[in-house]
């Protein structure tokens, strides 16, 4: 797995029956995010620390 070739694309289990979602794939030190409706458009890559901060922020806001 490299920064240029994300692997293991997946979307949230809460959106399995929907088509307008984002997908997350693993890269060497972080995550890549893409639009499930337009996969050919590419992806946005984050570092591991950026991804962890994003997930922590989402979890914090969800519980607030």
N, C-alpha and C. Protein backbone atom coordinates (compact mmCIF):
# COMPACT_ATOMS: atom_id res chain seq x y z
N UNK A 1 0.85 -1.16 0.00
CA UNK A 1 0.00 0.00 0.00
C UNK A 1 0.90 1.23 0.00
N UNK A 2 0.66 2.16 -0.91
CA UNK A 2 1.44 3.39 -0.97
C UNK A 2 0.50 4.58 -1.00
N UNK A 3 1.06 5.77 -0.86
CA UNK A 3 0.24 6.98 -0.87
C UNK A 3 -0.48 7.15 -2.20
N UNK A 4 0.09 6.57 -3.26
CA UNK A 4 -0.51 6.74 -4.58
C UNK A 4 -1.50 5.65 -4.94
N UNK A 5 -1.55 4.61 -4.15
CA UNK A 5 -2.44 3.48 -4.44
C UNK A 5 -3.16 3.02 -3.18
N UNK A 6 -4.19 3.77 -2.78
CA UNK A 6 -4.94 3.35 -1.58
C UNK A 6 -5.55 1.97 -1.77
N UNK A 7 -5.68 1.26 -0.68
CA UNK A 7 -6.25 -0.08 -0.71
C UNK A 7 -7.35 -0.21 0.32
N UNK A 8 -8.20 -1.20 0.14
CA UNK A 8 -9.23 -1.51 1.11
C UNK A 8 -10.32 -0.46 1.20
N UNK A 9 -10.70 0.12 0.07
CA UNK A 9 -11.75 1.14 0.10
C UNK A 9 -12.99 0.61 0.80
N UNK A 10 -13.58 1.46 1.65
CA UNK A 10 -14.81 1.07 2.35
C UNK A 10 -15.62 2.32 2.66
N UNK A 11 -16.90 2.12 2.88
CA UNK A 11 -17.74 3.23 3.32
C UNK A 11 -18.40 2.84 4.64
N UNK A 12 -18.96 3.80 5.29
CA UNK A 12 -19.56 3.56 6.60
C UNK A 12 -20.64 2.50 6.53
N UNK A 13 -20.69 1.68 7.56
CA UNK A 13 -21.75 0.66 7.61
C UNK A 13 -23.13 1.31 7.71
N UNK A 14 -23.18 2.55 8.12
CA UNK A 14 -24.45 3.27 8.21
C UNK A 14 -24.94 3.74 6.84
N UNK A 15 -24.12 3.64 5.82
CA UNK A 15 -24.52 4.11 4.50
C UNK A 15 -24.50 3.01 3.45
N UNK A 16 -24.55 1.77 3.85
CA UNK A 16 -24.44 0.65 2.91
C UNK A 16 -25.52 0.66 1.82
N UNK A 17 -26.69 1.18 2.11
CA UNK A 17 -27.78 1.14 1.13
C UNK A 17 -27.94 2.46 0.38
N UNK A 18 -26.98 3.34 0.49
CA UNK A 18 -27.04 4.63 -0.19
C UNK A 18 -25.91 4.72 -1.20
N UNK A 19 -26.11 5.54 -2.23
CA UNK A 19 -25.08 5.67 -3.26
C UNK A 19 -24.28 6.97 -3.16
N UNK A 20 -24.79 7.97 -2.46
CA UNK A 20 -24.09 9.25 -2.33
C UNK A 20 -23.26 9.26 -1.05
N UNK A 21 -22.09 8.65 -1.12
CA UNK A 21 -21.26 8.49 0.08
C UNK A 21 -19.81 8.82 -0.23
N UNK A 22 -19.02 8.89 0.80
CA UNK A 22 -17.58 8.94 0.63
C UNK A 22 -17.03 7.59 1.04
N UNK A 23 -15.88 7.25 0.48
CA UNK A 23 -15.20 6.00 0.81
C UNK A 23 -13.82 6.34 1.35
N UNK A 24 -13.32 5.50 2.24
CA UNK A 24 -12.01 5.69 2.84
C UNK A 24 -11.14 4.49 2.48
N UNK A 25 -9.92 4.78 2.06
CA UNK A 25 -8.96 3.73 1.75
C UNK A 25 -7.68 3.96 2.52
N UNK A 26 -6.95 2.89 2.77
CA UNK A 26 -5.71 3.00 3.51
C UNK A 26 -4.53 3.35 2.62
N UNK A 27 -3.65 4.19 3.12
CA UNK A 27 -2.37 4.49 2.47
C UNK A 27 -1.28 4.26 3.51
N UNK A 28 -0.04 4.37 3.09
CA UNK A 28 1.08 3.98 3.96
C UNK A 28 1.05 4.61 5.34
N UNK A 29 0.74 5.88 5.47
CA UNK A 29 0.66 6.51 6.79
C UNK A 29 -0.53 7.45 6.82
N UNK A 30 -1.73 6.90 6.71
CA UNK A 30 -2.91 7.76 6.76
C UNK A 30 -4.09 7.15 6.07
N UNK A 31 -4.85 8.03 5.42
CA UNK A 31 -6.07 7.59 4.76
C UNK A 31 -6.29 8.41 3.50
N UNK A 32 -7.06 7.84 2.60
CA UNK A 32 -7.47 8.54 1.39
C UNK A 32 -9.00 8.54 1.37
N UNK A 33 -9.58 9.62 0.89
CA UNK A 33 -11.03 9.77 0.85
C UNK A 33 -11.45 10.10 -0.58
N UNK A 34 -12.52 9.44 -1.06
CA UNK A 34 -13.02 9.72 -2.41
C UNK A 34 -14.54 9.68 -2.43
N UNK A 35 -15.10 10.24 -3.47
CA UNK A 35 -16.55 10.26 -3.69
C UNK A 35 -16.96 8.94 -4.31
N UNK A 36 -17.91 8.24 -3.70
CA UNK A 36 -18.31 6.93 -4.21
C UNK A 36 -19.02 7.02 -5.56
N UNK A 37 -19.56 8.20 -5.90
CA UNK A 37 -20.26 8.35 -7.18
C UNK A 37 -19.30 8.71 -8.31
N UNK A 38 -18.09 9.19 -7.98
CA UNK A 38 -17.15 9.64 -9.01
C UNK A 38 -15.74 9.19 -8.63
N UNK A 39 -15.53 7.91 -8.58
CA UNK A 39 -14.24 7.36 -8.16
C UNK A 39 -13.10 7.77 -9.08
N UNK A 40 -13.41 8.00 -10.35
CA UNK A 40 -12.37 8.38 -11.31
C UNK A 40 -11.83 9.79 -11.05
N UNK A 41 -12.52 10.58 -10.26
CA UNK A 41 -12.08 11.95 -9.97
C UNK A 41 -10.86 12.00 -9.05
N UNK A 42 -10.51 10.87 -8.48
CA UNK A 42 -9.35 10.83 -7.61
C UNK A 42 -9.73 10.83 -6.15
N UNK A 43 -8.76 11.18 -5.31
CA UNK A 43 -8.97 11.12 -3.86
C UNK A 43 -8.15 12.19 -3.18
N UNK A 44 -8.50 12.46 -1.94
CA UNK A 44 -7.75 13.36 -1.08
C UNK A 44 -7.02 12.50 -0.06
N UNK A 45 -5.73 12.72 0.09
CA UNK A 45 -4.93 11.93 1.04
C UNK A 45 -4.62 12.74 2.29
N UNK A 46 -4.59 12.06 3.43
CA UNK A 46 -4.23 12.69 4.69
C UNK A 46 -3.11 11.88 5.35
N UNK A 47 -2.40 12.53 6.24
CA UNK A 47 -1.41 11.80 7.03
C UNK A 47 -2.15 11.07 8.15
N UNK A 48 -1.46 10.18 8.81
CA UNK A 48 -2.07 9.46 9.92
C UNK A 48 -2.54 10.40 11.02
N UNK A 49 -1.73 11.39 11.36
CA UNK A 49 -2.12 12.31 12.43
C UNK A 49 -3.31 13.18 12.01
N UNK A 50 -3.36 13.59 10.75
CA UNK A 50 -4.51 14.35 10.27
C UNK A 50 -5.79 13.52 10.33
N UNK A 51 -5.69 12.26 9.92
CA UNK A 51 -6.86 11.40 9.93
C UNK A 51 -7.35 11.14 11.36
N UNK A 52 -6.44 10.88 12.27
CA UNK A 52 -6.82 10.65 13.67
C UNK A 52 -7.49 11.89 14.27
N UNK A 53 -6.98 13.07 13.96
CA UNK A 53 -7.58 14.31 14.46
C UNK A 53 -8.98 14.50 13.88
N UNK A 54 -9.14 14.20 12.60
CA UNK A 54 -10.46 14.31 11.97
C UNK A 54 -11.46 13.36 12.63
N UNK A 55 -11.09 12.11 12.79
CA UNK A 55 -11.99 11.12 13.40
C UNK A 55 -12.32 11.52 14.84
N UNK A 56 -11.33 11.97 15.59
CA UNK A 56 -11.58 12.40 16.96
C UNK A 56 -12.55 13.58 16.99
N UNK A 57 -12.41 14.51 16.07
CA UNK A 57 -13.31 15.65 16.00
C UNK A 57 -14.73 15.24 15.68
N UNK A 58 -14.87 14.31 14.76
CA UNK A 58 -16.21 13.81 14.42
C UNK A 58 -16.84 13.13 15.63
N UNK A 59 -16.08 12.31 16.30
CA UNK A 59 -16.61 11.61 17.48
C UNK A 59 -16.97 12.58 18.59
N UNK A 60 -16.17 13.60 18.80
CA UNK A 60 -16.44 14.59 19.83
C UNK A 60 -17.72 15.35 19.52
N UNK A 61 -17.88 15.78 18.27
CA UNK A 61 -19.07 16.53 17.88
C UNK A 61 -20.31 15.66 17.97
N UNK A 62 -20.18 14.39 17.65
CA UNK A 62 -21.32 13.48 17.68
C UNK A 62 -21.84 13.29 19.10
N UNK A 63 -20.94 13.29 20.06
CA UNK A 63 -21.36 13.04 21.44
C UNK A 63 -21.78 14.32 22.16
N UNK A 64 -21.57 15.48 21.52
CA UNK A 64 -21.85 16.75 22.19
C UNK A 64 -23.23 17.25 22.06
